N, C-alpha and C. Protein backbone atom coordinates (compact mmCIF):
# COMPACT_ATOMS: atom_id res chain seq x y z
N MET A 1 80.58 11.33 -51.44
CA MET A 1 79.99 10.72 -52.57
C MET A 1 78.85 9.90 -52.08
N LYS A 2 79.03 9.07 -51.04
CA LYS A 2 78.11 8.19 -50.36
C LYS A 2 76.96 8.97 -49.89
N LYS A 3 77.19 10.18 -49.23
CA LYS A 3 76.12 11.03 -48.64
C LYS A 3 75.22 11.65 -49.84
N LEU A 4 75.96 11.96 -50.90
CA LEU A 4 75.16 12.46 -52.04
C LEU A 4 74.25 11.42 -52.57
N PHE A 5 74.69 10.16 -52.70
CA PHE A 5 74.01 9.07 -53.23
C PHE A 5 72.78 8.74 -52.24
N ILE A 6 72.89 8.83 -51.03
CA ILE A 6 71.86 8.63 -50.09
C ILE A 6 70.89 9.73 -50.12
N ILE A 7 71.26 10.97 -50.18
CA ILE A 7 70.29 12.11 -50.29
C ILE A 7 69.50 12.06 -51.59
N PHE A 8 70.22 11.72 -52.64
CA PHE A 8 69.56 11.57 -54.00
C PHE A 8 68.53 10.48 -53.90
N THR A 9 68.86 9.26 -53.32
CA THR A 9 67.93 8.19 -53.23
C THR A 9 66.63 8.53 -52.35
N ILE A 10 66.90 9.22 -51.23
CA ILE A 10 65.80 9.68 -50.38
C ILE A 10 64.94 10.64 -51.16
N PHE A 11 65.47 11.46 -51.90
CA PHE A 11 64.78 12.40 -52.78
C PHE A 11 63.88 11.63 -53.75
N LEU A 12 64.50 10.69 -54.40
CA LEU A 12 63.69 10.07 -55.45
C LEU A 12 62.56 9.15 -54.83
N LEU A 13 62.80 8.55 -53.75
CA LEU A 13 61.75 7.83 -53.03
C LEU A 13 60.59 8.69 -52.60
N SER A 14 60.93 9.84 -52.14
CA SER A 14 59.90 10.75 -51.57
C SER A 14 59.17 11.31 -52.84
N MET A 15 59.79 11.59 -53.89
CA MET A 15 59.05 12.01 -55.11
C MET A 15 58.10 10.93 -55.65
N ALA A 16 58.55 9.68 -55.60
CA ALA A 16 57.70 8.59 -56.13
C ALA A 16 56.54 8.42 -55.29
N ALA A 17 56.68 8.56 -53.96
CA ALA A 17 55.56 8.44 -52.96
C ALA A 17 54.62 9.53 -53.23
N ALA A 18 55.09 10.78 -53.45
CA ALA A 18 54.21 11.92 -53.66
C ALA A 18 53.35 11.78 -54.88
N PHE A 19 53.70 11.18 -55.97
CA PHE A 19 53.02 11.11 -57.15
C PHE A 19 52.29 9.78 -57.42
N ALA A 20 52.54 8.80 -56.59
CA ALA A 20 51.81 7.60 -56.76
C ALA A 20 50.49 7.53 -56.16
N GLN A 21 49.51 6.87 -56.90
CA GLN A 21 48.14 6.82 -56.32
C GLN A 21 48.07 5.63 -55.32
N PRO A 22 47.29 5.77 -54.37
CA PRO A 22 47.10 4.64 -53.45
C PRO A 22 46.40 3.43 -54.19
N ALA A 23 46.64 2.22 -53.77
CA ALA A 23 46.20 1.10 -54.51
C ALA A 23 44.61 1.16 -54.47
N ASP A 24 43.96 1.47 -53.29
CA ASP A 24 42.54 1.54 -53.18
C ASP A 24 42.17 2.71 -52.45
N PRO A 25 42.01 3.84 -53.09
CA PRO A 25 41.59 5.07 -52.50
C PRO A 25 40.16 4.95 -51.82
N GLU A 26 39.94 5.83 -50.79
CA GLU A 26 38.61 5.82 -50.24
C GLU A 26 37.58 6.37 -51.26
N ILE A 27 36.35 5.91 -51.14
CA ILE A 27 35.35 6.34 -52.01
C ILE A 27 34.75 7.61 -51.44
N PRO A 28 34.84 8.74 -52.20
CA PRO A 28 34.38 9.99 -51.69
C PRO A 28 32.87 9.94 -51.31
N GLU A 29 32.37 10.78 -50.47
CA GLU A 29 31.01 10.85 -50.04
C GLU A 29 30.27 11.61 -51.25
N GLY A 30 28.98 11.35 -51.36
CA GLY A 30 28.19 12.00 -52.32
C GLY A 30 27.21 11.00 -52.93
N THR A 31 26.25 11.51 -53.79
CA THR A 31 25.20 10.64 -54.30
C THR A 31 25.78 9.87 -55.47
N GLN A 32 25.64 8.52 -55.39
CA GLN A 32 26.20 7.65 -56.31
C GLN A 32 25.20 7.27 -57.32
N GLU A 33 25.58 7.31 -58.60
CA GLU A 33 24.57 6.84 -59.73
C GLU A 33 25.43 5.79 -60.58
N LEU A 34 24.66 4.70 -60.84
CA LEU A 34 25.26 3.60 -61.70
C LEU A 34 25.41 4.12 -63.06
N PHE A 35 26.56 4.03 -63.67
CA PHE A 35 26.72 4.33 -65.12
C PHE A 35 26.69 3.13 -66.01
N ASP A 36 27.32 2.03 -65.56
CA ASP A 36 27.21 0.76 -66.22
C ASP A 36 27.50 -0.37 -65.28
N GLY A 37 26.67 -1.28 -65.10
CA GLY A 37 26.83 -2.39 -64.31
C GLY A 37 26.73 -3.69 -65.12
N PHE A 38 26.76 -3.63 -66.43
CA PHE A 38 26.86 -4.75 -67.45
C PHE A 38 25.62 -5.66 -67.31
N GLU A 39 24.56 -5.24 -66.82
CA GLU A 39 23.29 -6.12 -66.62
C GLU A 39 22.39 -6.03 -67.85
N LYS A 40 22.58 -4.83 -68.61
CA LYS A 40 21.64 -4.57 -69.61
C LYS A 40 22.32 -4.78 -71.12
N GLY A 41 23.42 -5.40 -71.13
CA GLY A 41 24.06 -5.60 -72.38
C GLY A 41 25.55 -5.02 -72.31
N ASN A 42 26.13 -5.16 -73.50
CA ASN A 42 27.50 -4.66 -73.61
C ASN A 42 27.61 -3.50 -74.60
N TYR A 43 28.13 -2.36 -74.15
CA TYR A 43 28.17 -1.17 -75.05
C TYR A 43 29.67 -0.74 -75.19
N TRP A 44 30.58 -1.68 -74.75
CA TRP A 44 32.02 -1.42 -74.80
C TRP A 44 32.69 -2.12 -76.00
N ILE A 45 33.62 -1.55 -76.62
CA ILE A 45 34.36 -2.04 -77.73
C ILE A 45 35.83 -2.10 -77.38
N TRP A 46 36.62 -3.08 -77.99
CA TRP A 46 37.99 -3.08 -77.81
C TRP A 46 38.63 -2.53 -79.08
N ALA A 47 39.75 -1.88 -78.80
CA ALA A 47 40.52 -1.23 -79.85
C ALA A 47 41.51 -2.23 -80.36
N GLY A 48 41.34 -2.62 -81.65
CA GLY A 48 42.24 -3.62 -82.22
C GLY A 48 43.08 -3.11 -83.29
N PHE A 49 43.34 -3.95 -84.25
CA PHE A 49 44.26 -3.51 -85.38
C PHE A 49 43.96 -2.22 -86.08
N ASP A 50 42.61 -1.85 -86.11
CA ASP A 50 42.21 -0.67 -86.85
C ASP A 50 42.62 0.62 -86.07
N TRP A 51 43.10 0.51 -84.83
CA TRP A 51 43.50 1.67 -84.06
C TRP A 51 45.10 1.91 -84.32
N ASP A 52 45.70 1.12 -85.12
CA ASP A 52 47.22 1.31 -85.35
C ASP A 52 47.50 2.58 -85.95
N GLN A 53 46.43 3.22 -86.64
CA GLN A 53 46.63 4.57 -87.16
C GLN A 53 46.88 5.65 -86.14
N TYR A 54 46.44 5.44 -84.88
CA TYR A 54 46.57 6.24 -83.79
C TYR A 54 47.81 5.97 -82.88
N GLY A 55 48.80 5.14 -83.38
CA GLY A 55 49.84 4.89 -82.58
C GLY A 55 50.22 3.35 -82.68
N SER A 56 51.03 2.94 -81.68
CA SER A 56 51.41 1.54 -81.82
C SER A 56 50.24 0.47 -81.71
N HIS A 57 50.55 -0.67 -82.20
CA HIS A 57 49.56 -1.82 -82.21
C HIS A 57 48.90 -2.02 -80.79
N LYS A 58 47.58 -2.05 -80.83
CA LYS A 58 46.94 -2.28 -79.55
C LYS A 58 46.79 -3.78 -79.36
N ILE A 59 46.96 -4.33 -78.13
CA ILE A 59 46.89 -5.78 -77.86
C ILE A 59 45.50 -6.21 -77.29
N SER A 60 44.60 -5.18 -77.26
CA SER A 60 43.24 -5.66 -76.72
C SER A 60 42.60 -6.59 -77.78
N THR A 61 41.94 -7.61 -77.31
CA THR A 61 41.28 -8.62 -78.20
C THR A 61 39.82 -8.82 -77.90
N GLY A 62 39.31 -8.25 -76.84
CA GLY A 62 37.96 -8.49 -76.68
C GLY A 62 37.43 -7.68 -75.45
N ALA A 63 36.09 -7.43 -75.45
CA ALA A 63 35.30 -6.84 -74.39
C ALA A 63 33.96 -7.59 -74.24
N ASN A 64 33.97 -8.49 -73.35
CA ASN A 64 32.79 -9.46 -73.34
C ASN A 64 32.23 -9.49 -71.92
N ILE A 65 30.80 -9.57 -71.92
CA ILE A 65 30.08 -9.71 -70.72
C ILE A 65 30.49 -11.11 -70.02
N SER A 66 30.63 -11.02 -68.78
CA SER A 66 31.15 -12.28 -68.10
C SER A 66 30.34 -12.49 -66.82
N ARG A 67 30.08 -13.67 -66.43
CA ARG A 67 29.51 -14.12 -65.09
C ARG A 67 30.59 -14.72 -64.14
N ASP A 68 31.87 -14.59 -64.64
CA ASP A 68 32.98 -15.14 -63.84
C ASP A 68 33.16 -14.43 -62.49
N TRP A 69 33.01 -13.07 -62.52
CA TRP A 69 33.11 -12.19 -61.37
C TRP A 69 32.19 -10.99 -61.48
N ALA A 70 31.56 -10.49 -60.48
CA ALA A 70 30.89 -9.25 -60.46
C ALA A 70 30.88 -8.61 -59.08
N SER A 71 30.98 -7.35 -59.09
CA SER A 71 30.92 -6.67 -57.76
C SER A 71 29.46 -6.09 -57.48
N GLU A 72 28.69 -5.97 -58.65
CA GLU A 72 27.34 -5.43 -58.52
C GLU A 72 26.51 -6.21 -59.56
N GLY A 73 25.43 -6.77 -59.20
CA GLY A 73 24.62 -7.69 -60.10
C GLY A 73 25.36 -8.96 -60.33
N LYS A 74 25.16 -9.53 -61.52
CA LYS A 74 25.57 -10.85 -61.85
C LYS A 74 26.65 -10.87 -62.92
N HIS A 75 26.89 -9.63 -63.61
CA HIS A 75 27.79 -9.63 -64.73
C HIS A 75 28.82 -8.54 -64.52
N SER A 76 29.94 -8.79 -65.30
CA SER A 76 30.93 -7.68 -65.35
C SER A 76 31.43 -7.64 -66.82
N LEU A 77 32.45 -6.80 -67.16
CA LEU A 77 33.05 -6.76 -68.45
C LEU A 77 34.44 -7.40 -68.34
N GLU A 78 34.60 -8.44 -69.15
CA GLU A 78 35.96 -9.15 -69.13
C GLU A 78 36.83 -8.37 -70.27
N MET A 79 37.86 -7.88 -70.05
CA MET A 79 38.78 -7.25 -71.01
C MET A 79 39.96 -8.17 -71.28
N THR A 80 40.07 -8.59 -72.52
CA THR A 80 41.10 -9.67 -72.85
C THR A 80 42.22 -8.94 -73.69
N MET A 81 43.48 -9.55 -73.61
CA MET A 81 44.55 -9.04 -74.29
C MET A 81 45.38 -10.17 -74.86
N GLU A 82 46.17 -9.94 -75.94
CA GLU A 82 47.05 -10.96 -76.50
C GLU A 82 48.29 -10.98 -75.63
N VAL A 83 49.22 -11.96 -75.98
CA VAL A 83 50.50 -12.05 -75.34
C VAL A 83 51.26 -10.76 -75.37
N MET A 84 51.94 -10.40 -74.29
CA MET A 84 52.72 -9.25 -74.17
C MET A 84 54.21 -9.63 -74.08
N ASP A 85 54.78 -9.97 -75.31
CA ASP A 85 56.18 -10.31 -75.31
C ASP A 85 57.10 -9.22 -75.27
N LYS A 86 58.35 -9.37 -75.32
CA LYS A 86 59.28 -8.19 -75.14
C LYS A 86 59.09 -7.16 -76.25
N ASP A 87 58.67 -7.57 -77.52
CA ASP A 87 58.42 -6.64 -78.65
C ASP A 87 56.94 -6.08 -78.72
N SER A 88 56.07 -6.46 -77.73
CA SER A 88 54.80 -5.98 -77.87
C SER A 88 54.64 -4.55 -77.35
N SER A 89 53.63 -3.89 -77.86
CA SER A 89 53.39 -2.45 -77.38
C SER A 89 52.86 -2.46 -75.93
N LYS A 90 52.37 -3.55 -75.55
CA LYS A 90 51.69 -3.78 -74.15
C LYS A 90 50.66 -2.68 -73.94
N SER A 91 50.03 -2.17 -74.98
CA SER A 91 49.10 -1.17 -74.89
C SER A 91 47.66 -1.59 -75.32
N ALA A 92 46.80 -1.49 -74.51
CA ALA A 92 45.32 -2.00 -74.85
C ALA A 92 44.32 -0.89 -74.42
N ILE A 93 43.33 -0.84 -75.24
CA ILE A 93 42.20 0.14 -74.96
C ILE A 93 40.82 -0.48 -75.13
N TRP A 94 39.96 -0.21 -74.30
CA TRP A 94 38.63 -0.51 -74.34
C TRP A 94 37.82 0.71 -74.17
N PHE A 95 36.67 0.93 -74.90
CA PHE A 95 36.00 2.15 -74.86
C PHE A 95 34.49 2.01 -75.11
N TYR A 96 33.82 3.00 -74.43
CA TYR A 96 32.35 3.12 -74.47
C TYR A 96 32.03 4.39 -75.31
N ASP A 97 31.35 4.24 -76.36
CA ASP A 97 30.96 5.46 -77.11
C ASP A 97 29.45 5.68 -76.95
N GLY A 98 29.15 7.00 -76.66
CA GLY A 98 27.72 7.35 -76.49
C GLY A 98 27.61 8.75 -75.92
N THR A 99 26.65 9.43 -76.23
CA THR A 99 26.55 10.85 -75.79
C THR A 99 25.83 10.76 -74.33
N ASN A 100 26.56 11.28 -73.41
CA ASN A 100 26.01 11.25 -71.99
C ASN A 100 26.18 12.54 -71.35
N ASP A 101 25.22 12.87 -70.54
CA ASP A 101 25.21 14.11 -69.69
C ASP A 101 25.49 13.68 -68.21
N ILE A 102 26.75 13.78 -67.80
CA ILE A 102 27.06 13.48 -66.44
C ILE A 102 27.40 14.75 -65.61
N SER A 103 26.75 15.86 -65.97
CA SER A 103 26.89 17.19 -65.35
C SER A 103 26.76 16.97 -63.77
N GLY A 104 27.56 17.64 -63.13
CA GLY A 104 27.55 17.61 -61.69
C GLY A 104 28.33 16.44 -61.14
N ALA A 105 28.78 15.50 -61.99
CA ALA A 105 29.67 14.42 -61.33
C ALA A 105 31.02 14.98 -60.97
N ARG A 106 31.44 14.45 -59.85
CA ARG A 106 32.77 14.95 -59.24
C ARG A 106 33.79 13.78 -59.49
N TYR A 107 33.34 12.54 -59.52
CA TYR A 107 34.23 11.38 -59.55
C TYR A 107 33.57 10.26 -60.41
N LEU A 108 34.36 9.50 -61.01
CA LEU A 108 33.99 8.22 -61.73
C LEU A 108 34.70 7.11 -60.94
N VAL A 109 33.87 6.17 -60.59
CA VAL A 109 34.41 5.02 -59.74
C VAL A 109 34.19 3.77 -60.42
N MET A 110 35.22 2.85 -60.37
CA MET A 110 35.15 1.51 -61.05
C MET A 110 35.74 0.47 -60.15
N ASP A 111 35.14 -0.71 -60.14
CA ASP A 111 35.60 -1.90 -59.45
C ASP A 111 36.33 -2.78 -60.60
N PHE A 112 37.51 -3.21 -60.13
CA PHE A 112 38.31 -4.05 -61.00
C PHE A 112 38.64 -5.44 -60.29
N TYR A 113 38.79 -6.50 -61.12
CA TYR A 113 39.34 -7.77 -60.58
C TYR A 113 40.33 -8.19 -61.51
N ASN A 114 41.60 -8.42 -60.96
CA ASN A 114 42.66 -8.93 -61.73
C ASN A 114 43.03 -10.33 -61.36
N PRO A 115 42.67 -11.36 -62.04
CA PRO A 115 42.94 -12.73 -61.64
C PRO A 115 44.33 -13.19 -62.08
N GLU A 116 45.06 -12.39 -62.77
CA GLU A 116 46.47 -12.74 -63.26
C GLU A 116 47.51 -12.42 -62.20
N ASN A 117 48.56 -13.13 -62.39
CA ASN A 117 49.83 -12.84 -61.59
C ASN A 117 50.63 -11.83 -62.26
N TYR A 118 50.01 -10.68 -62.48
CA TYR A 118 50.67 -9.58 -63.32
C TYR A 118 50.02 -8.24 -62.92
N VAL A 119 50.82 -7.15 -63.00
CA VAL A 119 50.39 -5.90 -62.62
C VAL A 119 50.11 -5.01 -63.87
N TYR A 120 48.90 -4.70 -64.03
CA TYR A 120 48.45 -3.73 -65.14
C TYR A 120 48.51 -2.27 -64.74
N ASN A 121 48.79 -1.51 -65.65
CA ASN A 121 48.74 0.02 -65.39
C ASN A 121 47.60 0.58 -66.02
N ILE A 122 46.56 0.96 -65.22
CA ILE A 122 45.24 1.35 -65.75
C ILE A 122 45.06 2.86 -65.65
N ASN A 123 44.53 3.47 -66.84
CA ASN A 123 44.33 4.81 -66.94
C ASN A 123 42.92 5.00 -67.57
N VAL A 124 42.17 6.01 -67.27
CA VAL A 124 40.93 6.35 -67.84
C VAL A 124 40.99 7.70 -68.59
N VAL A 125 40.51 7.68 -69.75
CA VAL A 125 40.45 8.91 -70.65
C VAL A 125 39.00 9.29 -71.03
N ILE A 126 38.61 10.48 -70.78
CA ILE A 126 37.32 11.09 -71.15
C ILE A 126 37.42 11.89 -72.43
N GLN A 127 36.56 11.70 -73.43
CA GLN A 127 36.46 12.56 -74.54
C GLN A 127 35.11 13.17 -74.57
N ALA A 128 35.02 14.49 -74.93
CA ALA A 128 33.74 15.19 -74.72
C ALA A 128 33.58 16.35 -75.81
N THR A 129 32.31 16.64 -76.06
CA THR A 129 31.87 17.79 -76.93
C THR A 129 32.14 17.35 -78.45
N ASP A 130 31.65 18.29 -79.27
CA ASP A 130 31.79 18.04 -80.75
C ASP A 130 33.23 18.02 -81.10
N GLY A 131 34.09 18.67 -80.37
CA GLY A 131 35.53 18.70 -80.70
C GLY A 131 36.27 17.54 -80.15
N TRP A 132 35.58 16.59 -79.56
CA TRP A 132 36.24 15.41 -79.06
C TRP A 132 37.42 15.76 -78.11
N ASN A 133 37.21 16.81 -77.33
CA ASN A 133 38.24 17.22 -76.37
C ASN A 133 38.46 16.13 -75.34
N TRP A 134 39.71 15.81 -75.08
CA TRP A 134 39.87 14.74 -74.14
C TRP A 134 40.77 15.02 -73.03
N TRP A 135 40.69 14.36 -71.98
CA TRP A 135 41.62 14.50 -70.84
C TRP A 135 41.81 13.19 -70.23
N SER A 136 43.07 12.98 -69.80
CA SER A 136 43.44 11.72 -69.03
C SER A 136 43.31 11.96 -67.61
N LEU A 137 42.65 10.87 -67.00
CA LEU A 137 42.40 10.97 -65.52
C LEU A 137 43.55 10.13 -64.89
N ASP A 138 43.34 9.78 -63.72
CA ASP A 138 44.34 9.18 -62.89
C ASP A 138 44.84 7.87 -63.34
N HIS A 139 46.10 7.56 -63.00
CA HIS A 139 46.70 6.20 -63.28
C HIS A 139 46.77 5.39 -62.02
N TYR A 140 46.49 4.10 -62.16
CA TYR A 140 46.51 3.18 -61.05
C TYR A 140 47.33 1.87 -61.47
N ASN A 141 47.96 1.28 -60.59
CA ASN A 141 48.53 -0.07 -60.86
C ASN A 141 47.42 -1.05 -60.32
N LEU A 142 47.00 -1.90 -61.32
CA LEU A 142 46.04 -2.98 -60.88
C LEU A 142 46.80 -4.19 -60.55
N TYR A 143 46.91 -4.39 -59.20
CA TYR A 143 47.55 -5.64 -58.67
C TYR A 143 46.63 -6.72 -58.74
N PRO A 144 47.05 -8.01 -58.58
CA PRO A 144 46.08 -9.08 -58.57
C PRO A 144 45.19 -8.79 -57.38
N GLY A 145 43.84 -9.28 -57.59
CA GLY A 145 42.86 -9.26 -56.56
C GLY A 145 41.70 -8.12 -57.01
N VAL A 146 40.88 -7.84 -56.09
CA VAL A 146 39.80 -6.96 -56.33
C VAL A 146 40.17 -5.56 -55.78
N HIS A 147 39.89 -4.45 -56.60
CA HIS A 147 40.28 -3.21 -56.25
C HIS A 147 39.15 -2.19 -56.73
N THR A 148 38.99 -1.14 -56.11
CA THR A 148 38.20 0.01 -56.44
C THR A 148 39.01 1.25 -56.77
N PHE A 149 38.88 1.79 -57.97
CA PHE A 149 39.63 3.03 -58.26
C PHE A 149 38.75 4.19 -58.39
N VAL A 150 39.17 5.34 -57.93
CA VAL A 150 38.40 6.63 -58.05
C VAL A 150 39.14 7.61 -58.97
N PHE A 151 38.39 8.08 -59.91
CA PHE A 151 38.92 8.94 -60.99
C PHE A 151 38.26 10.30 -60.75
N ASP A 152 39.07 11.40 -60.63
CA ASP A 152 38.62 12.71 -60.27
C ASP A 152 38.23 13.40 -61.67
N LEU A 153 37.00 13.96 -61.66
CA LEU A 153 36.53 14.61 -62.88
C LEU A 153 36.52 16.08 -62.88
N SER A 154 37.18 16.70 -61.82
CA SER A 154 37.18 18.10 -61.59
C SER A 154 37.90 19.05 -62.60
N ALA A 155 38.77 18.45 -63.45
CA ALA A 155 39.59 19.16 -64.29
C ALA A 155 38.77 19.97 -65.38
N HIS A 156 37.69 19.41 -65.84
CA HIS A 156 36.92 20.07 -66.94
C HIS A 156 35.43 19.86 -66.68
N PRO A 157 34.85 20.33 -65.68
CA PRO A 157 33.40 20.16 -65.44
C PRO A 157 32.52 20.72 -66.44
N GLU A 158 33.01 21.74 -67.20
CA GLU A 158 32.12 22.22 -68.34
C GLU A 158 31.97 21.26 -69.48
N ARG A 159 32.72 20.19 -69.49
CA ARG A 159 32.53 19.22 -70.51
C ARG A 159 31.69 18.06 -70.22
N LEU A 160 31.39 18.01 -68.98
CA LEU A 160 30.61 16.72 -68.47
C LEU A 160 29.14 16.68 -69.05
N ASN A 161 28.69 17.67 -69.59
CA ASN A 161 27.23 17.70 -70.14
C ASN A 161 27.25 16.97 -71.48
N ASP A 162 28.44 16.70 -72.09
CA ASP A 162 28.51 16.13 -73.40
C ASP A 162 29.65 15.11 -73.56
N VAL A 163 29.68 14.12 -72.75
CA VAL A 163 30.69 13.06 -72.74
C VAL A 163 30.45 12.11 -73.93
N ARG A 164 31.41 12.00 -74.79
CA ARG A 164 31.22 11.14 -76.13
C ARG A 164 31.93 9.75 -75.87
N ARG A 165 32.95 9.73 -75.14
CA ARG A 165 33.65 8.40 -74.96
C ARG A 165 34.42 8.37 -73.67
N ILE A 166 34.33 7.13 -73.05
CA ILE A 166 35.11 6.85 -71.88
C ILE A 166 35.97 5.66 -72.25
N SER A 167 37.28 5.77 -72.09
CA SER A 167 38.23 4.76 -72.41
C SER A 167 38.96 4.26 -71.18
N ILE A 168 39.16 2.96 -71.20
CA ILE A 168 40.01 2.32 -70.14
C ILE A 168 41.21 1.86 -70.83
N ASN A 169 42.33 2.30 -70.42
CA ASN A 169 43.65 1.83 -71.12
C ASN A 169 44.51 1.09 -70.19
N ASN A 170 45.28 0.13 -70.77
CA ASN A 170 46.33 -0.56 -70.07
C ASN A 170 47.57 -0.18 -70.84
N ASP A 171 48.55 0.27 -70.08
CA ASP A 171 49.89 0.46 -70.63
C ASP A 171 50.94 -0.04 -69.72
N SER A 172 51.13 -1.36 -69.79
CA SER A 172 52.02 -2.05 -68.91
C SER A 172 53.40 -2.30 -69.46
N GLY A 173 54.34 -2.33 -68.65
CA GLY A 173 55.74 -2.44 -69.19
C GLY A 173 56.30 -3.93 -69.12
N ALA A 174 55.79 -4.76 -68.29
CA ALA A 174 56.37 -6.05 -68.12
C ALA A 174 55.89 -7.06 -69.27
N VAL A 175 56.61 -8.14 -69.37
CA VAL A 175 56.31 -9.15 -70.37
C VAL A 175 55.40 -10.10 -69.68
N LEU A 176 54.35 -10.62 -70.36
CA LEU A 176 53.50 -11.68 -70.01
C LEU A 176 53.23 -12.51 -71.08
N MET A 177 53.75 -13.75 -71.05
CA MET A 177 53.80 -14.66 -72.18
C MET A 177 52.63 -15.54 -72.35
N LYS A 178 51.42 -14.99 -72.18
CA LYS A 178 50.21 -15.60 -72.33
C LYS A 178 49.10 -14.58 -72.53
N GLU A 179 47.99 -15.01 -73.10
CA GLU A 179 46.80 -14.16 -73.22
C GLU A 179 46.32 -13.92 -71.84
N SER A 180 45.81 -12.69 -71.59
CA SER A 180 45.42 -12.38 -70.20
C SER A 180 44.12 -11.50 -70.28
N HIS A 181 43.66 -11.31 -69.04
CA HIS A 181 42.44 -10.58 -68.86
C HIS A 181 42.30 -9.96 -67.53
N PHE A 182 41.41 -8.97 -67.38
CA PHE A 182 40.91 -8.52 -66.08
C PHE A 182 39.38 -8.10 -66.35
N TYR A 183 38.80 -7.82 -65.27
CA TYR A 183 37.34 -7.40 -65.29
C TYR A 183 37.13 -6.09 -64.62
N VAL A 184 36.02 -5.45 -65.16
CA VAL A 184 35.57 -4.15 -64.57
C VAL A 184 34.06 -4.27 -64.29
N ASP A 185 33.61 -3.65 -63.28
CA ASP A 185 32.17 -3.64 -62.98
C ASP A 185 31.78 -2.49 -62.07
N ASN A 186 30.54 -2.29 -61.94
CA ASN A 186 29.90 -1.26 -61.06
C ASN A 186 30.55 0.14 -61.36
N ILE A 187 30.59 0.57 -62.61
CA ILE A 187 31.10 1.88 -62.96
C ILE A 187 29.99 2.91 -62.60
N ARG A 188 30.46 3.75 -61.78
CA ARG A 188 29.40 4.78 -61.19
C ARG A 188 30.05 6.15 -61.18
N ILE A 189 29.09 7.08 -61.06
CA ILE A 189 29.58 8.52 -60.86
C ILE A 189 29.13 8.95 -59.48
N ILE A 190 29.92 9.83 -58.95
CA ILE A 190 29.53 10.42 -57.66
C ILE A 190 29.43 11.87 -57.84
N LYS A 191 28.21 12.38 -57.43
CA LYS A 191 27.97 13.83 -57.55
C LYS A 191 28.15 14.51 -56.20
């Protein structure tokens, strides 16, 4: 029985390692184009109570231009959330709406700064075309500190000429008994 337990534990650990994203993947080679550096205004919206029709209550409370931290230029986007108690959905969404042609893009790259003593689970979703077809990109754990995440766009290159929405989602499981925030900056595509 002890052998079976050890073999099962090794199997589970190897499977977790196989599917986990590295904390800071290498940035792929290619031509980089700035998508949003938050120097020309704020085009991002937070999903609040009005998104309850699409599922559980969203805890996002703001999407604001900030000078507190930036990895490119002088500004970033501060994404704020309400308290995540044990009964909270712990689900927050911030999104950019606009029709964009990013044909030829292979990757979407974002810099994040987490000043909290908390780990957020970050996911990016793309919605495209008149049908608002969407697909979920990679998931990353956003640990405290500065990190760069790379999101692979190769699943649906035929949709990249008509991107309608880019969403940044947080779906964390732990309790955080205070309002919290993290920052994003230097959103770029790599062709």
